[in-house]
Amino acid sequence: MAHAEAGSRIRITIVSDNNGPVPDGEHPVPRLGTAWGFACVVETADDRILFDTGSDGGMLIANMHALGIDPSGMDALVISHEHWGHVGGIDALLDAGARPVAYVPRSFADEFRYGLAARITVVGVTGPTKVGLRAGTTGELGTSIVEQALVVRSAAGPVVITGCAHPGIVRIVRSAASGNRPALVMGGFHLKDATEHEIAATVEELRTLGVVRVAPTHCTGDAARTRFALEFGDDYVPVGVGTVIEVGG
């Protein structure tokens, strides 16, 4: 699969999700597996980054092949947090020949970090950390469940990708955007158990932060996704496994 075109355009492909493929009416829907968790491949002109690995390694690799993505072609692996739905595919990825540099929060269990470091280079993340030439992580956020998000620069503005947003999607976006207007916020927003009031407040705060487009999935929940679709209109992107989003120009 070719790298994204030159410049600051980025291409994001969801390769693992508990939400199934979303037909676009133009292209055939590939046969893809679904399971609890999330993973996506981010391609820039310079790097290929796998963000999280889902829960099912065999399914992750099969989905990547079905989508024309070579698992061994990843330059970097960024793990958001230590829950199984985000780390479960790591062994299968490495067994498929991938040797990315892994960016892992230092709060992860020593056993996990040392085991991974026995196979590939691991960068322990605490604060904001550069990943390749055009991306970086927020660094560790939160307390009870520590998490990092991925931030990718595009000509349209920063793109923020979250695993589950346990520290709060608004907090993550505020930290990631650093005052800039986010072109896209996507991933798990962790609103599946939120009240209608909490969902409405979250939508309003993201609007206040200047978020242009949203693509919530994974643990966001159907009620929240419906509210985002209503409030963002054409700037809401319905997504599931297999969805490809391009940002920038």
C-alpha atoms as a PDB file:
ATOM      1  CA  MET A   1       0.000   0.000   0.000  1.00  0.00           C
ATOM      2  CA  ALA A   2       1.493   3.333  -1.010  1.00  0.00           C
ATOM      3  CA  HIS A   3       2.276   6.030   1.487  1.00  0.00           C
ATOM      4  CA  ALA A   4      -0.021   9.028   1.606  1.00  0.00           C
ATOM      5  CA  GLU A   5       0.717  11.563  -1.086  1.00  0.00           C
ATOM      6  CA  ALA A   6       3.384  14.171  -0.522  1.00  0.00           C
ATOM      7  CA  GLY A   7       2.707  17.164   1.650  1.00  0.00           C
ATOM      8  CA  SER A   8       0.672  17.154   4.816  1.00  0.00           C
ATOM      9  CA  ARG A   9      -2.238  14.986   3.693  1.00  0.00           C
ATOM     10  CA  ILE A  10      -2.866  12.025   5.954  1.00  0.00           C
ATOM     11  CA  ARG A  11      -4.815   8.838   5.383  1.00  0.00           C
ATOM     12  CA  ILE A  12      -6.414   6.908   8.247  1.00  0.00           C
ATOM     13  CA  THR A  13      -7.771   3.367   7.898  1.00  0.00           C
ATOM     14  CA  ILE A  14      -9.659   1.672  10.736  1.00  0.00           C
ATOM     15  CA  VAL A  15      -8.378  -1.908  10.865  1.00  0.00           C
ATOM     16  CA  SER A  16     -10.063  -3.099  14.065  1.00  0.00           C
ATOM     17  CA  ASP A  17     -13.320  -1.999  15.664  1.00  0.00           C
ATOM     18  CA  ASN A  18     -16.458  -3.398  17.264  1.00  0.00           C
ATOM     19  CA  ASN A  19     -18.503  -1.424  14.738  1.00  0.00           C
ATOM     20  CA  GLY A  20     -18.832  -3.061  11.345  1.00  0.00           C
ATOM     21  CA  PRO A  21     -18.076  -1.602   7.906  1.00  0.00           C
ATOM     22  CA  VAL A  22     -20.052   1.465   6.840  1.00  0.00           C
ATOM     23  CA  PRO A  23     -21.183   1.220   3.180  1.00  0.00           C
ATOM     24  CA  ASP A  24     -20.544   4.354   1.140  1.00  0.00           C
ATOM     25  CA  GLY A  25     -22.762   3.369  -1.771  1.00  0.00           C
ATOM     26  CA  GLU A  26     -19.847   3.470  -4.211  1.00  0.00           C
ATOM     27  CA  HIS A  27     -17.378   0.771  -3.231  1.00  0.00           C
ATOM     28  CA  PRO A  28     -17.905  -2.906  -2.394  1.00  0.00           C
ATOM     29  CA  VAL A  29     -17.814  -3.638   1.334  1.00  0.00           C
ATOM     30  CA  PRO A  30     -14.880  -5.945   2.127  1.00  0.00           C
ATOM     31  CA  ARG A  31     -15.332  -8.918   4.428  1.00  0.00           C
ATOM     32  CA  LEU A  32     -13.882  -7.740   7.687  1.00  0.00           C
ATOM     33  CA  GLY A  33     -14.002  -9.083  11.220  1.00  0.00           C
ATOM     34  CA  THR A  34     -15.261  -7.129  14.203  1.00  0.00           C
ATOM     35  CA  ALA A  35     -14.373  -7.478  17.883  1.00  0.00           C
ATOM     36  CA  TRP A  36     -14.308  -5.221  20.923  1.00  0.00           C
ATOM     37  CA  GLY A  37     -11.443  -2.754  20.676  1.00  0.00           C
ATOM     38  CA  PHE A  38      -9.881  -0.346  18.242  1.00  0.00           C
ATOM     39  CA  ALA A  39      -6.917   0.027  15.890  1.00  0.00           C
ATOM     40  CA  CYS A  40      -6.160   2.242  12.922  1.00  0.00           C
ATOM     41  CA  VAL A  41      -3.312   2.796  10.486  1.00  0.00           C
ATOM     42  CA  VAL A  42      -2.198   6.381   9.950  1.00  0.00           C
ATOM     43  CA  GLU A  43      -0.210   7.115   6.785  1.00  0.00           C
ATOM     44  CA  THR A  44       1.617  10.357   6.136  1.00  0.00           C
ATOM     45  CA  ALA A  45       4.099  11.231   3.420  1.00  0.00           C
ATOM     46  CA  ASP A  46       6.840  10.023   5.748  1.00  0.00           C
ATOM     47  CA  ASP A  47       5.544   7.364   8.128  1.00  0.00           C
ATOM     48  CA  ARG A  48       3.077   4.575   8.705  1.00  0.00           C
ATOM     49  CA  ILE A  49       1.802   4.430  12.263  1.00  0.00           C
ATOM     50  CA  LEU A  50      -0.391   1.749  13.807  1.00  0.00           C
ATOM     51  CA  PHE A  51      -2.432   3.212  16.642  1.00  0.00           C
ATOM     52  CA  ASP A  52      -3.554   0.429  19.020  1.00  0.00           C
ATOM     53  CA  THR A  53      -3.989  -3.198  17.962  1.00  0.00           C
ATOM     54  CA  GLY A  54      -7.530  -4.234  18.879  1.00  0.00           C
ATOM     55  CA  SER A  55      -8.266  -7.332  20.948  1.00  0.00           C
ATOM     56  CA  ASP A  56      -7.989 -10.117  18.360  1.00  0.00           C
ATOM     57  CA  GLY A  57      -4.597 -10.438  16.704  1.00  0.00           C
ATOM     58  CA  GLY A  58      -5.638 -12.914  14.034  1.00  0.00           C
ATOM     59  CA  MET A  59      -8.535 -10.691  13.033  1.00  0.00           C
ATOM     60  CA  LEU A  60      -6.295  -7.612  13.009  1.00  0.00           C
ATOM     61  CA  ILE A  61      -3.871  -9.189  10.557  1.00  0.00           C
ATOM     62  CA  ALA A  62      -6.672 -10.598   8.384  1.00  0.00           C
ATOM     63  CA  ASN A  63      -8.369  -7.201   8.228  1.00  0.00           C
ATOM     64  CA  MET A  64      -5.124  -5.465   7.326  1.00  0.00           C
ATOM     65  CA  HIS A  65      -4.507  -7.899   4.479  1.00  0.00           C
ATOM     66  CA  ALA A  66      -8.127  -7.513   3.267  1.00  0.00           C
ATOM     67  CA  LEU A  67      -7.631  -3.743   3.197  1.00  0.00           C
ATOM     68  CA  GLY A  68      -4.370  -3.987   1.269  1.00  0.00           C
ATOM     69  CA  ILE A  69      -2.150  -3.052   4.195  1.00  0.00           C
ATOM     70  CA  ASP A  70       1.096  -4.911   4.850  1.00  0.00           C
ATOM     71  CA  PRO A  71       1.361  -5.485   8.639  1.00  0.00           C
ATOM     72  CA  SER A  72       5.153  -5.590   8.373  1.00  0.00           C
ATOM     73  CA  GLY A  73       5.227  -2.082   6.901  1.00  0.00           C
ATOM     74  CA  MET A  74       4.520  -0.199  10.126  1.00  0.00           C
ATOM     75  CA  ASP A  75       7.195   2.315  11.153  1.00  0.00           C
ATOM     76  CA  ALA A  76       5.711   3.045  14.570  1.00  0.00           C
ATOM     77  CA  LEU A  77       3.235   1.529  17.010  1.00  0.00           C
ATOM     78  CA  VAL A  78       1.447   3.838  19.461  1.00  0.00           C
ATOM     79  CA  ILE A  79      -0.538   2.214  22.269  1.00  0.00           C
ATOM     80  CA  SER A  80      -3.154   4.378  23.963  1.00  0.00           C
ATOM     81  CA  HIS A  81      -3.656   2.384  27.166  1.00  0.00           C
ATOM     82  CA  GLU A  82      -3.253  -1.069  28.641  1.00  0.00           C
ATOM     83  CA  HIS A  83      -6.749  -2.505  28.174  1.00  0.00           C
ATOM     84  CA  TRP A  84      -6.974  -5.723  26.161  1.00  0.00           C
ATOM     85  CA  GLY A  85      -9.102  -4.140  23.431  1.00  0.00           C
ATOM     86  CA  HIS A  86      -6.068  -2.031  22.509  1.00  0.00           C
ATOM     87  CA  VAL A  87      -3.069  -4.300  23.141  1.00  0.00           C
ATOM     88  CA  GLY A  88      -4.459  -7.748  22.273  1.00  0.00           C
ATOM     89  CA  GLY A  89      -3.114  -7.810  18.719  1.00  0.00           C
ATOM     90  CA  ILE A  90       0.517  -6.959  19.464  1.00  0.00           C
ATOM     91  CA  ASP A  91       1.921 -10.495  19.382  1.00  0.00           C
ATOM     92  CA  ALA A  92       0.157 -11.288  16.104  1.00  0.00           C
ATOM     93  CA  LEU A  93       1.492  -8.054  14.615  1.00  0.00           C
ATOM     94  CA  LEU A  94       5.069  -8.905  15.545  1.00  0.00           C
ATOM     95  CA  ASP A  95       4.642 -12.521  14.455  1.00  0.00           C
ATOM     96  CA  ALA A  96       3.586 -11.124  11.044  1.00  0.00           C
ATOM     97  CA  GLY A  97       7.014  -9.527  10.697  1.00  0.00           C
ATOM     98  CA  ALA A  98       6.342  -5.997  11.921  1.00  0.00           C
ATOM     99  CA  ARG A  99       9.235  -4.307  13.738  1.00  0.00           C
ATOM    100  CA  PRO A 100       7.926  -0.838  14.550  1.00  0.00           C
ATOM    101  CA  VAL A 101       9.235   1.447  17.246  1.00  0.00           C
ATOM    102  CA  ALA A 102       6.615   1.222  20.014  1.00  0.00           C
ATOM    103  CA  TYR A 103       5.509   4.260  22.021  1.00  0.00           C
ATOM    104  CA  VAL A 104       4.093   3.026  25.317  1.00  0.00           C
ATOM    105  CA  PRO A 105       3.010   4.975  28.415  1.00  0.00           C
ATOM    106  CA  ARG A 106       5.464   4.460  31.278  1.00  0.00           C
ATOM    107  CA  SER A 107       2.518   3.716  33.552  1.00  0.00           C
ATOM    108  CA  PHE A 108       2.096   0.353  31.811  1.00  0.00           C
ATOM    109  CA  ALA A 109       3.040  -2.678  33.888  1.00  0.00           C
ATOM    110  CA  ASP A 110       6.772  -3.401  33.849  1.00  0.00           C
ATOM    111  CA  GLU A 111       6.066  -6.941  32.669  1.00  0.00           C
ATOM    112  CA  PHE A 112       4.307  -5.610  29.574  1.00  0.00           C
ATOM    113  CA  ARG A 113       6.958  -3.018  28.698  1.00  0.00           C
ATOM    114  CA  TYR A 114       9.902  -5.337  29.307  1.00  0.00           C
ATOM    115  CA  GLY A 115       8.282  -8.181  27.381  1.00  0.00           C
ATOM    116  CA  LEU A 116       7.670  -5.916  24.399  1.00  0.00           C
ATOM    117  CA  ALA A 117      11.198  -4.457  24.631  1.00  0.00           C
ATOM    118  CA  ALA A 118      12.588  -7.966  24.245  1.00  0.00           C
ATOM    119  CA  ARG A 119      11.199  -7.994  20.696  1.00  0.00           C
ATOM    120  CA  ILE A 120      11.243  -4.379  19.457  1.00  0.00           C
ATOM    121  CA  THR A 121      12.444  -0.919  20.451  1.00  0.00           C
ATOM    122  CA  VAL A 122      10.187   0.629  23.086  1.00  0.00           C
ATOM    123  CA  VAL A 123       9.984   4.324  23.923  1.00  0.00           C
ATOM    124  CA  GLY A 124       8.529   4.976  27.373  1.00  0.00           C
ATOM    125  CA  VAL A 125       6.174   7.954  27.183  1.00  0.00           C
ATOM    126  CA  THR A 126       5.400  10.378  29.987  1.00  0.00           C
ATOM    127  CA  GLY A 127       5.061  13.834  28.409  1.00  0.00           C
ATOM    128  CA  PRO A 128       4.301  14.827  24.809  1.00  0.00           C
ATOM    129  CA  THR A 129       6.499  12.735  22.511  1.00  0.00           C
ATOM    130  CA  LYS A 130       7.298  13.035  18.816  1.00  0.00           C
ATOM    131  CA  VAL A 131       6.395  10.052  16.617  1.00  0.00           C
ATOM    132  CA  GLY A 132       7.989  10.170  13.177  1.00  0.00           C
ATOM    133  CA  LEU A 133       8.089  13.481  11.311  1.00  0.00           C
ATOM    134  CA  ARG A 134       4.457  14.612  11.447  1.00  0.00           C
ATOM    135  CA  ALA A 135       2.909  13.040  14.530  1.00  0.00           C
ATOM    136  CA  GLY A 136       3.237  12.915  18.279  1.00  0.00           C
ATOM    137  CA  THR A 137       1.438  11.776  21.390  1.00  0.00           C
ATOM    138  CA  THR A 138      -0.199  13.871  24.063  1.00  0.00           C
ATOM    139  CA  GLY A 139       1.840  12.084  26.692  1.00  0.00           C
ATOM    140  CA  GLU A 140       0.162  10.428  29.660  1.00  0.00           C
ATOM    141  CA  LEU A 141      -3.188  11.905  30.684  1.00  0.00           C
ATOM    142  CA  GLY A 142      -5.559  10.870  33.449  1.00  0.00           C
ATOM    143  CA  THR A 143      -5.131   9.170  36.807  1.00  0.00           C
ATOM    144  CA  SER A 144      -7.180   6.024  37.409  1.00  0.00           C
ATOM    145  CA  ILE A 145      -6.771   4.923  33.782  1.00  0.00           C
ATOM    146  CA  VAL A 146      -3.795   6.613  32.176  1.00  0.00           C
ATOM    147  CA  GLU A 147      -3.999   7.104  28.425  1.00  0.00           C
ATOM    148  CA  GLN A 148      -2.260   8.869  25.561  1.00  0.00           C
ATOM    149  CA  ALA A 149      -3.737  10.050  22.267  1.00  0.00           C
ATOM    150  CA  LEU A 150      -2.124  10.469  18.861  1.00  0.00           C
ATOM    151  CA  VAL A 151      -1.908  13.896  17.222  1.00  0.00           C
ATOM    152  CA  VAL A 152      -1.058  14.191  13.514  1.00  0.00           C
ATOM    153  CA  ARG A 153      -0.367  17.451  11.686  1.00  0.00           C
ATOM    154  CA  SER A 154      -2.240  18.139   8.458  1.00  0.00           C
ATOM    155  CA  ALA A 155      -2.711  21.188   6.267  1.00  0.00           C
ATOM    156  CA  ALA A 156      -6.271  21.431   7.600  1.00  0.00           C
ATOM    157  CA  GLY A 157      -5.201  21.369  11.253  1.00  0.00           C
ATOM    158  CA  PRO A 158      -4.340  18.745  13.862  1.00  0.00           C
ATOM    159  CA  VAL A 159      -6.000  15.350  13.770  1.00  0.00           C
ATOM    160  CA  VAL A 160      -6.613  13.810  17.202  1.00  0.00           C
ATOM    161  CA  ILE A 161      -7.052  10.029  17.503  1.00  0.00           C
ATOM    162  CA  THR A 162      -8.149   8.450  20.773  1.00  0.00           C
ATOM    163  CA  GLY A 163      -8.315   4.872  21.995  1.00  0.00           C
ATOM    164  CA  CYS A 164     -11.007   5.146  24.677  1.00  0.00           C
ATOM    165  CA  ALA A 165     -10.637   8.697  26.029  1.00  0.00           C
ATOM    166  CA  HIS A 166     -10.810   7.521  29.638  1.00  0.00           C
ATOM    167  CA  PRO A 167      -9.363  10.849  30.861  1.00  0.00           C
ATOM    168  CA  GLY A 168     -12.240  12.609  29.037  1.00  0.00           C
ATOM    169  CA  ILE A 169     -12.480  13.382  25.346  1.00  0.00           C
ATOM    170  CA  VAL A 170     -12.693  17.141  25.967  1.00  0.00           C
ATOM    171  CA  ARG A 171      -9.573  17.102  28.149  1.00  0.00           C
ATOM    172  CA  ILE A 172      -7.690  15.079  25.546  1.00  0.00           C
ATOM    173  CA  VAL A 173      -8.670  17.365  22.659  1.00  0.00           C
ATOM    174  CA  ARG A 174      -7.826  20.484  24.646  1.00  0.00           C
ATOM    175  CA  SER A 175      -4.386  19.070  25.462  1.00  0.00           C
ATOM    176  CA  ALA A 176      -3.756  17.737  21.961  1.00  0.00           C
ATOM    177  CA  ALA A 177      -4.861  20.783  19.988  1.00  0.00           C
ATOM    178  CA  SER A 178      -2.830  23.331  21.995  1.00  0.00           C
ATOM    179  CA  GLY A 179      -5.167  26.129  20.960  1.00  0.00           C
ATOM    180  CA  ASN A 180      -5.385  25.089  17.300  1.00  0.00           C
ATOM    181  CA  ARG A 181      -8.634  24.161  15.570  1.00  0.00           C
ATOM    182  CA  PRO A 182      -8.720  20.348  15.229  1.00  0.00           C
ATOM    183  CA  ALA A 183      -9.557  19.244  11.703  1.00  0.00           C
ATOM    184  CA  LEU A 184     -10.774  15.859  12.948  1.00  0.00           C
ATOM    185  CA  VAL A 185     -11.286  14.036  16.243  1.00  0.00           C
ATOM    186  CA  MET A 186     -11.822  10.293  15.900  1.00  0.00           C
ATOM    187  CA  GLY A 187     -11.741   7.062  17.880  1.00  0.00           C
ATOM    188  CA  GLY A 188     -13.343   5.975  21.130  1.00  0.00           C
ATOM    189  CA  PHE A 189     -14.944   8.824  23.099  1.00  0.00           C
ATOM    190  CA  HIS A 190     -15.985   6.660  26.104  1.00  0.00           C
ATOM    191  CA  LEU A 191     -19.544   7.970  26.286  1.00  0.00           C
ATOM    192  CA  LYS A 192     -21.371   4.627  26.136  1.00  0.00           C
ATOM    193  CA  ASP A 193     -22.614   4.995  29.734  1.00  0.00           C
ATOM    194  CA  ALA A 194     -22.984   8.787  29.700  1.00  0.00           C
ATOM    195  CA  THR A 195     -26.281  10.553  30.358  1.00  0.00           C
ATOM    196  CA  GLU A 196     -28.014  12.679  27.719  1.00  0.00           C
ATOM    197  CA  HIS A 197     -26.869  15.788  29.601  1.00  0.00           C
ATOM    198  CA  GLU A 198     -23.244  14.605  29.664  1.00  0.00           C
ATOM    199  CA  ILE A 199     -23.338  13.801  25.960  1.00  0.00           C
ATOM    200  CA  ALA A 200     -24.848  17.196  25.095  1.00  0.00           C
ATOM    201  CA  ALA A 201     -22.246  18.981  27.229  1.00  0.00           C
ATOM    202  CA  THR A 202     -19.433  17.069  25.519  1.00  0.00           C
ATOM    203  CA  VAL A 203     -20.715  17.971  22.062  1.00  0.00           C
ATOM    204  CA  GLU A 204     -20.974  21.630  23.050  1.00  0.00           C
ATOM    205  CA  GLU A 205     -17.452  21.720  24.520  1.00  0.00           C
ATOM    206  CA  LEU A 206     -15.923  20.130  21.432  1.00  0.00           C
ATOM    207  CA  ARG A 207     -17.717  22.703  19.313  1.00  0.00           C
ATOM    208  CA  THR A 208     -16.289  25.433  21.547  1.00  0.00           C
ATOM    209  CA  LEU A 209     -12.801  24.012  20.989  1.00  0.00           C
ATOM    210  CA  GLY A 210     -13.348  24.475  17.256  1.00  0.00           C
ATOM    211  CA  VAL A 211     -13.431  20.804  16.240  1.00  0.00           C
ATOM    212  CA  VAL A 212     -14.322  20.689  12.540  1.00  0.00           C
ATOM    213  CA  ARG A 213     -15.189  17.005  12.029  1.00  0.00           C
ATOM    214  CA  VAL A 214     -15.823  14.076  14.350  1.00  0.00           C
ATOM    215  CA  ALA A 215     -15.630  10.333  13.704  1.00  0.00           C
ATOM    216  CA  PRO A 216     -16.583   8.633  16.985  1.00  0.00           C
ATOM    217  CA  THR A 217     -16.548   4.849  17.238  1.00  0.00           C
ATOM    218  CA  HIS A 218     -15.599   1.945  19.545  1.00  0.00           C
ATOM    219  CA  CYS A 219     -16.732   2.854  23.096  1.00  0.00           C
ATOM    220  CA  THR A 220     -18.595   6.049  22.171  1.00  0.00           C
ATOM    221  CA  GLY A 221     -22.004   4.383  22.306  1.00  0.00           C
ATOM    222  CA  ASP A 222     -24.975   4.587  19.947  1.00  0.00           C
ATOM    223  CA  ALA A 223     -26.730   7.402  21.818  1.00  0.00           C
ATOM    224  CA  ALA A 224     -23.665   9.622  21.689  1.00  0.00           C
ATOM    225  CA  ARG A 225     -22.958   8.815  18.048  1.00  0.00           C
ATOM    226  CA  THR A 226     -26.550   9.744  17.188  1.00  0.00           C
ATOM    227  CA  ARG A 227     -26.195  13.063  19.027  1.00  0.00           C
ATOM    228  CA  PHE A 228     -22.896  13.858  17.304  1.00  0.00           C
ATOM    229  CA  ALA A 229     -24.463  13.060  13.932  1.00  0.00           C
ATOM    230  CA  LEU A 230     -27.349  15.423  14.688  1.00  0.00           C
ATOM    231  CA  GLU A 231     -25.182  18.282  15.949  1.00  0.00           C
ATOM    232  CA  PHE A 232     -22.300  18.054  13.450  1.00  0.00           C
ATOM    233  CA  GLY A 233     -24.385  17.250  10.366  1.00  0.00           C
ATOM    234  CA  ASP A 234     -22.186  16.841   7.291  1.00  0.00           C
ATOM    235  CA  ASP A 235     -19.123  17.141   9.533  1.00  0.00           C
ATOM    236  CA  TYR A 236     -20.034  13.893  11.302  1.00  0.00           C
ATOM    237  CA  VAL A 237     -18.233  10.930   9.734  1.00  0.00           C
ATOM    238  CA  PRO A 238     -19.921   7.533  10.278  1.00  0.00           C
ATOM    239  CA  VAL A 239     -17.135   5.017  10.774  1.00  0.00           C
ATOM    240  CA  GLY A 240     -16.446   1.363  11.496  1.00  0.00           C
ATOM    241  CA  VAL A 241     -13.836  -1.203  10.576  1.00  0.00           C
ATOM    242  CA  GLY A 242     -12.614  -0.599   7.034  1.00  0.00           C
ATOM    243  CA  THR A 243     -13.426   3.123   6.963  1.00  0.00           C
ATOM    244  CA  VAL A 244     -10.792   5.281   5.260  1.00  0.00           C
ATOM    245  CA  ILE A 245     -10.577   9.007   6.039  1.00  0.00           C
ATOM    246  CA  GLU A 246      -8.251  11.473   4.303  1.00  0.00           C
ATOM    247  CA  VAL A 247      -7.422  14.840   5.828  1.00  0.00           C
ATOM    248  CA  GLY A 248      -5.393  17.774   4.530  1.00  0.00           C
ATOM    249  CA  GLY A 249      -4.308  18.801   1.098  1.00  0.00           C
END
